[in-house]
Amino acid sequence: MPNGSASRTRTAFQLVLGWLALLWVLEIVDQATGNALDTFGIEPRKMDELVDIVPAAFMHFGFDHLVANTLPLAVLGFLAAVRGPGRFVAVALITIVISGFGVWLIAPPGSNTAGASGLIFGLFGFLLVRGFVDRRITDVAIGAVVAVFYGSILWGVLPTESGVSWQGHLFGLVGGVVAAFVTAPPRPEGVKPAWH
């Protein structure tokens, strides 16, 4: 068991590190090309922009934007990935699609939205409810710790700050909760679920 746990921890660390490295490489390319990759942001209610829903989650508007997202994505991403890389990827994709579609649907006209913050809010929501969905005491405890340290980000789902995509935050949070249920491990039929 310890070896399995160590392997999962190492895999989670490598996965999240690789994800973050990709974000940084893309932003370096973006800066080197005069912000050419900013066109992959989401402009609302334009049909041809639907293809940018996934790429937008990997783009940022400058290094300050990326730096602000790096630490919470590293922490929340690792905590989500430590239970398995497959579920983490599924949760990330579900969250990105729901968050991006929400932005496309209700963001202000003329806006361009990109960044990993929708995913961050999704991972936050996922970690909050995962323990209850999976009925794992340890994950409930992890969710409680996440709520204590990152609970203040919930203000980000409100339209309180100009230039910040509360739409992406709100739908990202919803996406993470949905993903917790969609990706929950199956329970054998006829077996009453128990806490463990």
N, C-alpha and C. Protein backbone atom coordinates (compact mmCIF):
# COMPACT_ATOMS: atom_id res chain seq x y z
N MET A 1 0.81 -1.22 0.00
CA MET A 1 0.00 0.00 0.00
C MET A 1 0.84 1.28 0.00
N PRO A 2 1.89 1.36 0.86
CA PRO A 2 2.72 2.57 0.82
C PRO A 2 3.33 2.82 -0.54
N ASN A 3 3.78 1.72 -1.22
CA ASN A 3 4.37 1.89 -2.54
C ASN A 3 3.34 2.44 -3.52
N GLY A 4 2.10 1.91 -3.44
CA GLY A 4 1.03 2.41 -4.32
C GLY A 4 0.72 3.86 -4.06
N SER A 5 0.71 4.24 -2.78
CA SER A 5 0.45 5.62 -2.41
C SER A 5 1.56 6.53 -2.92
N ALA A 6 2.80 6.09 -2.78
CA ALA A 6 3.93 6.88 -3.26
C ALA A 6 3.89 7.04 -4.77
N SER A 7 3.48 5.99 -5.46
CA SER A 7 3.38 6.03 -6.92
C SER A 7 2.30 7.01 -7.36
N ARG A 8 1.15 6.99 -6.67
CA ARG A 8 0.07 7.92 -7.01
C ARG A 8 0.49 9.37 -6.75
N THR A 9 1.19 9.56 -5.66
CA THR A 9 1.67 10.91 -5.33
C THR A 9 2.64 11.42 -6.38
N ARG A 10 3.57 10.57 -6.78
CA ARG A 10 4.55 10.94 -7.80
C ARG A 10 3.85 11.24 -9.14
N THR A 11 2.90 10.39 -9.51
CA THR A 11 2.18 10.59 -10.77
C THR A 11 1.40 11.90 -10.75
N ALA A 12 0.74 12.19 -9.62
CA ALA A 12 -0.03 13.44 -9.49
C ALA A 12 0.89 14.64 -9.61
N PHE A 13 2.04 14.58 -8.94
CA PHE A 13 3.00 15.67 -9.00
C PHE A 13 3.48 15.90 -10.43
N GLN A 14 3.82 14.82 -11.13
CA GLN A 14 4.32 14.93 -12.50
C GLN A 14 3.24 15.46 -13.44
N LEU A 15 2.01 15.00 -13.25
CA LEU A 15 0.92 15.45 -14.11
C LEU A 15 0.68 16.95 -13.96
N VAL A 16 0.59 17.41 -12.73
CA VAL A 16 0.32 18.83 -12.49
C VAL A 16 1.51 19.68 -12.92
N LEU A 17 2.71 19.20 -12.66
CA LEU A 17 3.90 19.93 -13.09
C LEU A 17 3.93 20.05 -14.62
N GLY A 18 3.59 18.98 -15.31
CA GLY A 18 3.53 19.01 -16.77
C GLY A 18 2.47 19.98 -17.27
N TRP A 19 1.32 19.99 -16.62
CA TRP A 19 0.22 20.90 -16.99
C TRP A 19 0.68 22.35 -16.85
N LEU A 20 1.31 22.65 -15.71
CA LEU A 20 1.79 24.01 -15.48
C LEU A 20 2.90 24.39 -16.45
N ALA A 21 3.78 23.45 -16.75
CA ALA A 21 4.85 23.72 -17.72
C ALA A 21 4.27 24.09 -19.07
N LEU A 22 3.21 23.38 -19.48
CA LEU A 22 2.56 23.69 -20.75
C LEU A 22 2.01 25.12 -20.74
N LEU A 23 1.38 25.51 -19.65
CA LEU A 23 0.84 26.88 -19.55
C LEU A 23 1.94 27.93 -19.69
N TRP A 24 3.07 27.66 -19.04
CA TRP A 24 4.18 28.62 -19.10
C TRP A 24 4.82 28.66 -20.49
N VAL A 25 4.97 27.52 -21.12
CA VAL A 25 5.52 27.49 -22.48
C VAL A 25 4.61 28.27 -23.43
N LEU A 26 3.30 28.05 -23.29
CA LEU A 26 2.35 28.75 -24.17
C LEU A 26 2.41 30.26 -23.95
N GLU A 27 2.56 30.69 -22.70
CA GLU A 27 2.62 32.13 -22.45
C GLU A 27 3.92 32.73 -22.96
N ILE A 28 5.01 31.98 -22.87
CA ILE A 28 6.29 32.45 -23.43
C ILE A 28 6.16 32.62 -24.94
N VAL A 29 5.52 31.64 -25.59
CA VAL A 29 5.29 31.74 -27.04
C VAL A 29 4.39 32.93 -27.34
N ASP A 30 3.35 33.12 -26.52
CA ASP A 30 2.42 34.23 -26.73
C ASP A 30 3.14 35.57 -26.66
N GLN A 31 4.00 35.72 -25.66
CA GLN A 31 4.75 36.97 -25.52
C GLN A 31 5.73 37.17 -26.66
N ALA A 32 6.36 36.08 -27.09
CA ALA A 32 7.36 36.16 -28.17
C ALA A 32 6.73 36.47 -29.52
N THR A 33 5.44 36.20 -29.66
CA THR A 33 4.75 36.41 -30.94
C THR A 33 3.80 37.60 -30.90
N GLY A 34 4.02 38.50 -29.93
CA GLY A 34 3.17 39.69 -29.86
C GLY A 34 1.74 39.38 -29.47
N ASN A 35 1.57 38.47 -28.54
CA ASN A 35 0.25 38.07 -28.03
C ASN A 35 -0.63 37.42 -29.09
N ALA A 36 -0.01 36.70 -30.00
CA ALA A 36 -0.75 36.05 -31.08
C ALA A 36 -1.73 35.00 -30.56
N LEU A 37 -1.41 34.38 -29.41
CA LEU A 37 -2.27 33.31 -28.89
C LEU A 37 -3.50 33.83 -28.16
N ASP A 38 -3.56 35.14 -27.94
CA ASP A 38 -4.74 35.70 -27.26
C ASP A 38 -6.00 35.52 -28.09
N THR A 39 -5.84 35.25 -29.38
CA THR A 39 -7.01 35.02 -30.23
C THR A 39 -7.74 33.73 -29.86
N PHE A 40 -7.10 32.88 -29.05
CA PHE A 40 -7.75 31.65 -28.60
C PHE A 40 -8.65 31.87 -27.39
N GLY A 41 -8.77 33.12 -26.93
CA GLY A 41 -9.73 33.43 -25.88
C GLY A 41 -11.15 33.29 -26.43
N ILE A 42 -12.11 33.31 -25.52
CA ILE A 42 -13.51 33.11 -25.90
C ILE A 42 -14.21 34.45 -26.06
N GLU A 43 -14.72 34.70 -27.25
CA GLU A 43 -15.58 35.85 -27.50
C GLU A 43 -17.02 35.34 -27.50
N PRO A 44 -17.87 35.93 -26.67
CA PRO A 44 -19.20 35.34 -26.43
C PRO A 44 -20.14 35.36 -27.63
N ARG A 45 -20.92 34.29 -27.70
CA ARG A 45 -22.05 34.13 -28.62
C ARG A 45 -21.70 34.20 -30.10
N LYS A 46 -20.46 33.90 -30.42
CA LYS A 46 -20.05 33.75 -31.81
C LYS A 46 -19.83 32.27 -32.06
N MET A 47 -20.52 31.72 -33.03
CA MET A 47 -20.49 30.27 -33.23
C MET A 47 -19.08 29.74 -33.47
N ASP A 48 -18.27 30.50 -34.21
CA ASP A 48 -16.91 30.01 -34.50
C ASP A 48 -16.00 30.06 -33.28
N GLU A 49 -16.45 30.69 -32.19
CA GLU A 49 -15.66 30.77 -30.97
C GLU A 49 -15.84 29.54 -30.07
N LEU A 50 -16.81 28.70 -30.37
CA LEU A 50 -17.04 27.51 -29.56
C LEU A 50 -15.81 26.59 -29.58
N VAL A 51 -15.06 26.61 -30.67
CA VAL A 51 -13.87 25.75 -30.76
C VAL A 51 -12.75 26.24 -29.84
N ASP A 52 -12.88 27.46 -29.33
CA ASP A 52 -11.85 28.01 -28.44
C ASP A 52 -12.12 27.73 -26.96
N ILE A 53 -13.22 27.05 -26.65
CA ILE A 53 -13.58 26.81 -25.26
C ILE A 53 -12.48 26.06 -24.51
N VAL A 54 -11.93 25.02 -25.11
CA VAL A 54 -10.86 24.26 -24.45
C VAL A 54 -9.52 25.00 -24.52
N PRO A 55 -9.08 25.46 -25.69
CA PRO A 55 -7.79 26.17 -25.74
C PRO A 55 -7.72 27.39 -24.82
N ALA A 56 -8.85 28.08 -24.63
CA ALA A 56 -8.84 29.29 -23.80
C ALA A 56 -8.38 29.02 -22.38
N ALA A 57 -8.63 27.81 -21.88
CA ALA A 57 -8.24 27.48 -20.50
C ALA A 57 -6.73 27.33 -20.34
N PHE A 58 -6.01 27.30 -21.46
CA PHE A 58 -4.56 27.14 -21.42
C PHE A 58 -3.83 28.44 -21.76
N MET A 59 -4.57 29.49 -22.09
CA MET A 59 -3.98 30.77 -22.48
C MET A 59 -4.13 31.80 -21.36
N HIS A 60 -3.20 32.75 -21.32
CA HIS A 60 -3.26 33.81 -20.32
C HIS A 60 -2.89 35.14 -20.96
N PHE A 61 -3.37 36.21 -20.34
CA PHE A 61 -3.10 37.55 -20.84
C PHE A 61 -1.92 38.15 -20.07
N GLY A 62 -0.74 37.60 -20.29
CA GLY A 62 0.46 38.12 -19.65
C GLY A 62 0.92 37.24 -18.49
N PHE A 63 2.17 37.47 -18.07
CA PHE A 63 2.76 36.65 -17.01
C PHE A 63 2.12 36.91 -15.65
N ASP A 64 1.67 38.13 -15.40
CA ASP A 64 1.01 38.43 -14.12
C ASP A 64 -0.24 37.57 -13.96
N HIS A 65 -0.98 37.47 -15.05
CA HIS A 65 -2.19 36.65 -15.07
C HIS A 65 -1.85 35.18 -14.78
N LEU A 66 -0.82 34.69 -15.42
CA LEU A 66 -0.40 33.30 -15.25
C LEU A 66 0.15 33.05 -13.85
N VAL A 67 0.95 33.97 -13.34
CA VAL A 67 1.51 33.82 -11.99
C VAL A 67 0.39 33.72 -10.95
N ALA A 68 -0.65 34.55 -11.11
CA ALA A 68 -1.77 34.53 -10.16
C ALA A 68 -2.49 33.18 -10.15
N ASN A 69 -2.47 32.48 -11.28
CA ASN A 69 -3.16 31.19 -11.37
C ASN A 69 -2.28 30.00 -11.03
N THR A 70 -0.97 30.18 -11.06
CA THR A 70 -0.06 29.04 -10.96
C THR A 70 -0.14 28.31 -9.61
N LEU A 71 -0.03 29.04 -8.50
CA LEU A 71 0.01 28.37 -7.20
C LEU A 71 -1.31 27.67 -6.87
N PRO A 72 -2.48 28.35 -7.00
CA PRO A 72 -3.72 27.62 -6.69
C PRO A 72 -3.95 26.43 -7.61
N LEU A 73 -3.55 26.54 -8.87
CA LEU A 73 -3.70 25.41 -9.78
C LEU A 73 -2.78 24.27 -9.37
N ALA A 74 -1.57 24.60 -8.92
CA ALA A 74 -0.63 23.57 -8.47
C ALA A 74 -1.17 22.83 -7.25
N VAL A 75 -1.66 23.58 -6.26
CA VAL A 75 -2.12 22.97 -5.01
C VAL A 75 -3.40 22.17 -5.23
N LEU A 76 -4.41 22.83 -5.81
CA LEU A 76 -5.70 22.16 -6.01
C LEU A 76 -5.60 21.04 -7.03
N GLY A 77 -4.79 21.26 -8.06
CA GLY A 77 -4.59 20.22 -9.07
C GLY A 77 -3.95 18.98 -8.49
N PHE A 78 -2.93 19.16 -7.64
CA PHE A 78 -2.27 18.02 -7.02
C PHE A 78 -3.24 17.25 -6.12
N LEU A 79 -4.00 17.97 -5.31
CA LEU A 79 -4.95 17.31 -4.41
C LEU A 79 -6.02 16.54 -5.18
N ALA A 80 -6.40 17.06 -6.35
CA ALA A 80 -7.39 16.37 -7.17
C ALA A 80 -6.78 15.19 -7.90
N ALA A 81 -5.53 15.32 -8.32
CA ALA A 81 -4.89 14.27 -9.14
C ALA A 81 -4.37 13.10 -8.34
N VAL A 82 -4.20 13.28 -7.03
CA VAL A 82 -3.57 12.23 -6.23
C VAL A 82 -4.43 10.97 -6.15
N ARG A 83 -5.72 11.09 -6.42
CA ARG A 83 -6.61 9.92 -6.44
C ARG A 83 -6.56 9.17 -7.77
N GLY A 84 -5.86 9.76 -8.75
CA GLY A 84 -5.73 9.08 -10.04
C GLY A 84 -5.71 10.07 -11.19
N PRO A 85 -4.78 9.90 -12.12
CA PRO A 85 -4.66 10.85 -13.23
C PRO A 85 -5.85 10.82 -14.18
N GLY A 86 -6.44 9.64 -14.36
CA GLY A 86 -7.57 9.54 -15.28
C GLY A 86 -8.75 10.38 -14.83
N ARG A 87 -9.05 10.27 -13.55
CA ARG A 87 -10.18 11.06 -13.03
C ARG A 87 -9.85 12.54 -13.06
N PHE A 88 -8.62 12.90 -12.75
CA PHE A 88 -8.24 14.31 -12.78
C PHE A 88 -8.45 14.90 -14.18
N VAL A 89 -7.99 14.19 -15.20
CA VAL A 89 -8.13 14.68 -16.58
C VAL A 89 -9.61 14.82 -16.93
N ALA A 90 -10.42 13.83 -16.53
CA ALA A 90 -11.86 13.89 -16.81
C ALA A 90 -12.50 15.08 -16.12
N VAL A 91 -12.15 15.29 -14.85
CA VAL A 91 -12.68 16.42 -14.08
C VAL A 91 -12.27 17.74 -14.73
N ALA A 92 -11.00 17.82 -15.13
CA ALA A 92 -10.50 19.05 -15.76
C ALA A 92 -11.25 19.35 -17.06
N LEU A 93 -11.44 18.34 -17.88
CA LEU A 93 -12.11 18.57 -19.17
C LEU A 93 -13.58 18.94 -18.98
N ILE A 94 -14.27 18.25 -18.08
CA ILE A 94 -15.67 18.58 -17.81
C ILE A 94 -15.77 20.02 -17.32
N THR A 95 -14.90 20.39 -16.39
CA THR A 95 -14.91 21.74 -15.84
C THR A 95 -14.62 22.78 -16.90
N ILE A 96 -13.59 22.53 -17.71
CA ILE A 96 -13.21 23.48 -18.75
C ILE A 96 -14.35 23.70 -19.73
N VAL A 97 -15.01 22.63 -20.13
CA VAL A 97 -16.11 22.76 -21.10
C VAL A 97 -17.29 23.52 -20.50
N ILE A 98 -17.68 23.19 -19.28
CA ILE A 98 -18.81 23.88 -18.65
C ILE A 98 -18.47 25.34 -18.38
N SER A 99 -17.27 25.59 -17.86
CA SER A 99 -16.85 26.96 -17.60
C SER A 99 -16.79 27.78 -18.88
N GLY A 100 -16.15 27.21 -19.91
CA GLY A 100 -16.02 27.91 -21.17
C GLY A 100 -17.35 28.17 -21.85
N PHE A 101 -18.25 27.20 -21.78
CA PHE A 101 -19.56 27.40 -22.39
C PHE A 101 -20.34 28.47 -21.64
N GLY A 102 -20.20 28.49 -20.33
CA GLY A 102 -20.86 29.55 -19.55
C GLY A 102 -20.37 30.93 -19.94
N VAL A 103 -19.05 31.04 -20.13
CA VAL A 103 -18.47 32.31 -20.59
C VAL A 103 -19.03 32.67 -21.96
N TRP A 104 -19.03 31.71 -22.87
CA TRP A 104 -19.53 31.96 -24.23
C TRP A 104 -20.99 32.41 -24.20
N LEU A 105 -21.74 31.88 -23.23
CA LEU A 105 -23.18 32.13 -23.19
C LEU A 105 -23.52 33.50 -22.60
N ILE A 106 -22.83 33.91 -21.52
CA ILE A 106 -23.31 35.10 -20.80
C ILE A 106 -22.26 36.19 -20.57
N ALA A 107 -21.04 36.02 -21.07
CA ALA A 107 -20.04 37.08 -20.90
C ALA A 107 -20.47 38.34 -21.67
N PRO A 108 -19.97 39.49 -21.27
CA PRO A 108 -20.37 40.74 -21.94
C PRO A 108 -19.94 40.77 -23.41
N PRO A 109 -20.73 41.40 -24.26
CA PRO A 109 -20.35 41.53 -25.67
C PRO A 109 -19.00 42.22 -25.82
N GLY A 110 -18.20 41.76 -26.76
CA GLY A 110 -16.91 42.37 -27.03
C GLY A 110 -15.79 41.93 -26.10
N SER A 111 -16.10 41.07 -25.13
CA SER A 111 -15.06 40.61 -24.20
C SER A 111 -14.29 39.44 -24.80
N ASN A 112 -13.12 39.21 -24.25
CA ASN A 112 -12.28 38.08 -24.66
C ASN A 112 -11.76 37.44 -23.38
N THR A 113 -12.14 36.19 -23.14
CA THR A 113 -11.85 35.54 -21.86
C THR A 113 -10.92 34.35 -22.05
N ALA A 114 -9.89 34.29 -21.24
CA ALA A 114 -8.96 33.16 -21.27
C ALA A 114 -8.35 33.00 -19.88
N GLY A 115 -7.73 31.86 -19.64
CA GLY A 115 -7.05 31.62 -18.38
C GLY A 115 -7.54 30.38 -17.67
N ALA A 116 -6.76 29.96 -16.68
CA ALA A 116 -7.04 28.72 -15.96
C ALA A 116 -7.91 28.92 -14.73
N SER A 117 -8.42 30.12 -14.51
CA SER A 117 -9.17 30.37 -13.27
C SER A 117 -10.48 29.58 -13.22
N GLY A 118 -11.11 29.36 -14.37
CA GLY A 118 -12.32 28.54 -14.39
C GLY A 118 -12.02 27.13 -13.91
N LEU A 119 -10.89 26.59 -14.35
CA LEU A 119 -10.46 25.27 -13.90
C LEU A 119 -10.14 25.28 -12.41
N ILE A 120 -9.52 26.33 -11.93
CA ILE A 120 -9.20 26.43 -10.50
C ILE A 120 -10.48 26.39 -9.67
N PHE A 121 -11.48 27.15 -10.07
CA PHE A 121 -12.74 27.13 -9.34
C PHE A 121 -13.40 25.75 -9.45
N GLY A 122 -13.24 25.10 -10.59
CA GLY A 122 -13.79 23.76 -10.75
C GLY A 122 -13.12 22.76 -9.83
N LEU A 123 -11.80 22.83 -9.73
CA LEU A 123 -11.07 21.93 -8.84
C LEU A 123 -11.46 22.19 -7.38
N PHE A 124 -11.65 23.46 -7.06
CA PHE A 124 -12.10 23.82 -5.71
C PHE A 124 -13.45 23.16 -5.41
N GLY A 125 -14.40 23.32 -6.32
CA GLY A 125 -15.72 22.71 -6.14
C GLY A 125 -15.65 21.20 -6.07
N PHE A 126 -14.83 20.61 -6.93
CA PHE A 126 -14.66 19.16 -6.94
C PHE A 126 -14.13 18.66 -5.60
N LEU A 127 -13.11 19.32 -5.08
CA LEU A 127 -12.51 18.89 -3.82
C LEU A 127 -13.46 19.08 -2.64
N LEU A 128 -14.31 20.09 -2.71
CA LEU A 128 -15.27 20.32 -1.63
C LEU A 128 -16.27 19.18 -1.51
N VAL A 129 -16.71 18.63 -2.64
CA VAL A 129 -17.79 17.64 -2.60
C VAL A 129 -17.31 16.20 -2.84
N ARG A 130 -16.08 16.01 -3.30
CA ARG A 130 -15.61 14.67 -3.65
C ARG A 130 -15.76 13.69 -2.51
N GLY A 131 -15.38 14.09 -1.30
CA GLY A 131 -15.44 13.18 -0.17
C GLY A 131 -16.85 12.70 0.12
N PHE A 132 -17.83 13.59 -0.04
CA PHE A 132 -19.22 13.22 0.21
C PHE A 132 -19.75 12.31 -0.90
N VAL A 133 -19.35 12.61 -2.14
CA VAL A 133 -19.80 11.80 -3.28
C VAL A 133 -19.19 10.40 -3.21
N ASP A 134 -17.89 10.34 -2.90
CA ASP A 134 -17.18 9.05 -2.84
C ASP A 134 -17.33 8.36 -1.49
N ARG A 135 -17.84 9.12 -0.51
CA ARG A 135 -18.01 8.60 0.86
C ARG A 135 -16.66 8.19 1.45
N ARG A 136 -15.70 9.10 1.35
CA ARG A 136 -14.36 8.88 1.91
C ARG A 136 -14.08 9.94 2.96
N ILE A 137 -13.88 9.50 4.19
CA ILE A 137 -13.63 10.43 5.29
C ILE A 137 -12.40 11.29 5.04
N THR A 138 -11.34 10.68 4.51
CA THR A 138 -10.11 11.45 4.29
C THR A 138 -10.33 12.57 3.28
N ASP A 139 -11.14 12.32 2.25
CA ASP A 139 -11.39 13.35 1.24
C ASP A 139 -12.33 14.43 1.76
N VAL A 140 -13.23 14.07 2.69
CA VAL A 140 -14.04 15.09 3.35
C VAL A 140 -13.13 16.02 4.14
N ALA A 141 -12.15 15.45 4.83
CA ALA A 141 -11.20 16.25 5.59
C ALA A 141 -10.37 17.15 4.68
N ILE A 142 -9.93 16.61 3.54
CA ILE A 142 -9.18 17.42 2.57
C ILE A 142 -10.04 18.57 2.07
N GLY A 143 -11.31 18.28 1.79
CA GLY A 143 -12.23 19.32 1.34
C GLY A 143 -12.40 20.42 2.37
N ALA A 144 -12.43 20.03 3.65
CA ALA A 144 -12.56 21.02 4.72
C ALA A 144 -11.33 21.91 4.80
N VAL A 145 -10.15 21.32 4.65
CA VAL A 145 -8.91 22.11 4.66
C VAL A 145 -8.87 23.06 3.47
N VAL A 146 -9.28 22.56 2.30
CA VAL A 146 -9.33 23.40 1.10
C VAL A 146 -10.29 24.57 1.32
N ALA A 147 -11.44 24.29 1.95
CA ALA A 147 -12.42 25.36 2.22
C ALA A 147 -11.83 26.43 3.12
N VAL A 148 -11.04 26.01 4.12
CA VAL A 148 -10.43 26.97 5.05
C VAL A 148 -9.42 27.86 4.34
N PHE A 149 -8.56 27.24 3.52
CA PHE A 149 -7.47 27.99 2.91
C PHE A 149 -7.88 28.74 1.64
N TYR A 150 -8.85 28.21 0.91
CA TYR A 150 -9.22 28.81 -0.38
C TYR A 150 -10.67 29.27 -0.45
N GLY A 151 -11.40 29.15 0.64
CA GLY A 151 -12.82 29.51 0.63
C GLY A 151 -13.10 30.93 0.19
N SER A 152 -12.15 31.83 0.43
CA SER A 152 -12.37 33.24 0.08
C SER A 152 -12.49 33.44 -1.43
N ILE A 153 -12.02 32.47 -2.22
CA ILE A 153 -12.12 32.65 -3.67
C ILE A 153 -13.58 32.64 -4.14
N LEU A 154 -14.49 32.17 -3.28
CA LEU A 154 -15.90 32.12 -3.67
C LEU A 154 -16.45 33.51 -4.00
N TRP A 155 -15.79 34.56 -3.48
CA TRP A 155 -16.21 35.92 -3.86
C TRP A 155 -16.02 36.13 -5.35
N GLY A 156 -15.15 35.32 -5.96
CA GLY A 156 -14.89 35.48 -7.39
C GLY A 156 -16.03 35.06 -8.30
N VAL A 157 -17.06 34.42 -7.73
CA VAL A 157 -18.21 34.04 -8.57
C VAL A 157 -19.22 35.18 -8.65
N LEU A 158 -18.94 36.27 -7.95
CA LEU A 158 -19.83 37.43 -7.97
C LEU A 158 -19.25 38.52 -8.87
N PRO A 159 -20.11 39.28 -9.54
CA PRO A 159 -19.63 40.35 -10.44
C PRO A 159 -19.18 41.58 -9.68
N THR A 160 -18.10 41.43 -8.90
CA THR A 160 -17.65 42.52 -8.04
C THR A 160 -16.43 43.25 -8.57
N GLU A 161 -15.70 42.65 -9.51
CA GLU A 161 -14.46 43.26 -9.97
C GLU A 161 -14.46 43.37 -11.49
N SER A 162 -14.28 44.57 -11.98
CA SER A 162 -14.27 44.81 -13.42
C SER A 162 -13.08 44.11 -14.08
N GLY A 163 -13.33 43.51 -15.23
CA GLY A 163 -12.26 42.87 -15.98
C GLY A 163 -11.96 41.45 -15.55
N VAL A 164 -12.69 40.94 -14.55
CA VAL A 164 -12.51 39.56 -14.08
C VAL A 164 -13.72 38.75 -14.49
N SER A 165 -13.49 37.58 -15.06
CA SER A 165 -14.58 36.76 -15.57
C SER A 165 -15.27 35.98 -14.46
N TRP A 166 -16.22 36.64 -13.79
CA TRP A 166 -16.98 35.92 -12.77
C TRP A 166 -17.80 34.81 -13.41
N GLN A 167 -18.12 34.98 -14.71
CA GLN A 167 -18.89 33.94 -15.40
C GLN A 167 -18.08 32.64 -15.47
N GLY A 168 -16.80 32.77 -15.83
CA GLY A 168 -15.95 31.59 -15.89
C GLY A 168 -15.76 30.96 -14.52
N HIS A 169 -15.67 31.79 -13.48
CA HIS A 169 -15.51 31.28 -12.12
C HIS A 169 -16.76 30.53 -11.68
N LEU A 170 -17.92 31.15 -11.90
CA LEU A 170 -19.18 30.54 -11.47
C LEU A 170 -19.43 29.22 -12.17
N PHE A 171 -19.30 29.22 -13.50
CA PHE A 171 -19.55 27.99 -14.24
C PHE A 171 -18.44 26.96 -14.02
N GLY A 172 -17.24 27.42 -13.71
CA GLY A 172 -16.17 26.49 -13.35
C GLY A 172 -16.50 25.76 -12.06
N LEU A 173 -16.99 26.51 -11.07
CA LEU A 173 -17.39 25.92 -9.80
C LEU A 173 -18.49 24.88 -10.01
N VAL A 174 -19.48 25.24 -10.80
CA VAL A 174 -20.57 24.30 -11.12
C VAL A 174 -20.01 23.07 -11.84
N GLY A 175 -19.09 23.32 -12.78
CA GLY A 175 -18.50 22.21 -13.53
C GLY A 175 -17.75 21.23 -12.64
N GLY A 176 -17.04 21.75 -11.64
CA GLY A 176 -16.30 20.88 -10.73
C GLY A 176 -17.22 20.01 -9.89
N VAL A 177 -18.34 20.58 -9.44
CA VAL A 177 -19.31 19.81 -8.67
C VAL A 177 -19.95 18.74 -9.55
N VAL A 178 -20.34 19.12 -10.76
CA VAL A 178 -20.91 18.15 -11.70
C VAL A 178 -19.91 17.02 -11.96
N ALA A 179 -18.64 17.40 -12.16
CA ALA A 179 -17.60 16.41 -12.46
C ALA A 179 -17.41 15.42 -11.33
N ALA A 180 -17.59 15.87 -10.08
CA ALA A 180 -17.44 14.97 -8.94
C ALA A 180 -18.45 13.83 -9.02
N PHE A 181 -19.67 14.15 -9.44
CA PHE A 181 -20.70 13.12 -9.56
C PHE A 181 -20.51 12.26 -10.81
N VAL A 182 -20.17 12.90 -11.92
CA VAL A 182 -20.03 12.18 -13.18
C VAL A 182 -18.87 11.19 -13.13
N THR A 183 -17.80 11.56 -12.44
CA THR A 183 -16.60 10.72 -12.42
C THR A 183 -16.51 9.84 -11.17
N ALA A 184 -17.55 9.83 -10.35
CA ALA A 184 -17.50 9.04 -9.11
C ALA A 184 -17.29 7.57 -9.43
N PRO A 185 -16.48 6.87 -8.64
CA PRO A 185 -16.27 5.44 -8.86
C PRO A 185 -17.58 4.67 -8.75
N PRO A 186 -17.82 3.71 -9.62
CA PRO A 186 -19.07 2.93 -9.55
C PRO A 186 -19.11 2.07 -8.30
N ARG A 187 -20.31 1.92 -7.75
CA ARG A 187 -20.48 1.05 -6.60
C ARG A 187 -21.14 -0.25 -7.06
N PRO A 188 -20.70 -1.38 -6.53
CA PRO A 188 -21.30 -2.66 -6.91
C PRO A 188 -22.79 -2.69 -6.58
N GLU A 189 -23.57 -3.27 -7.47
CA GLU A 189 -25.01 -3.35 -7.25
C GLU A 189 -25.31 -4.19 -6.02
N GLY A 190 -26.30 -3.73 -5.26
CA GLY A 190 -26.72 -4.48 -4.08
C GLY A 190 -25.85 -4.27 -2.87
N VAL A 191 -24.79 -3.48 -3.02
CA VAL A 191 -23.92 -3.21 -1.88
C VAL A 191 -24.21 -1.83 -1.33
N LYS A 192 -24.56 -1.77 -0.08
CA LYS A 192 -24.89 -0.49 0.55
C LYS A 192 -23.61 0.33 0.70
N PRO A 193 -23.58 1.57 0.19
CA PRO A 193 -22.36 2.39 0.29
C PRO A 193 -22.00 2.66 1.74
N ALA A 194 -20.73 2.58 2.04
CA ALA A 194 -20.27 2.82 3.42
C ALA A 194 -19.13 3.82 3.40
N TRP A 195 -18.98 4.53 4.50
CA TRP A 195 -17.87 5.47 4.63
C TRP A 195 -16.59 4.71 4.89
N HIS A 196 -15.50 5.18 4.28
CA HIS A 196 -14.21 4.51 4.51
C HIS A 196 -13.08 5.52 4.42
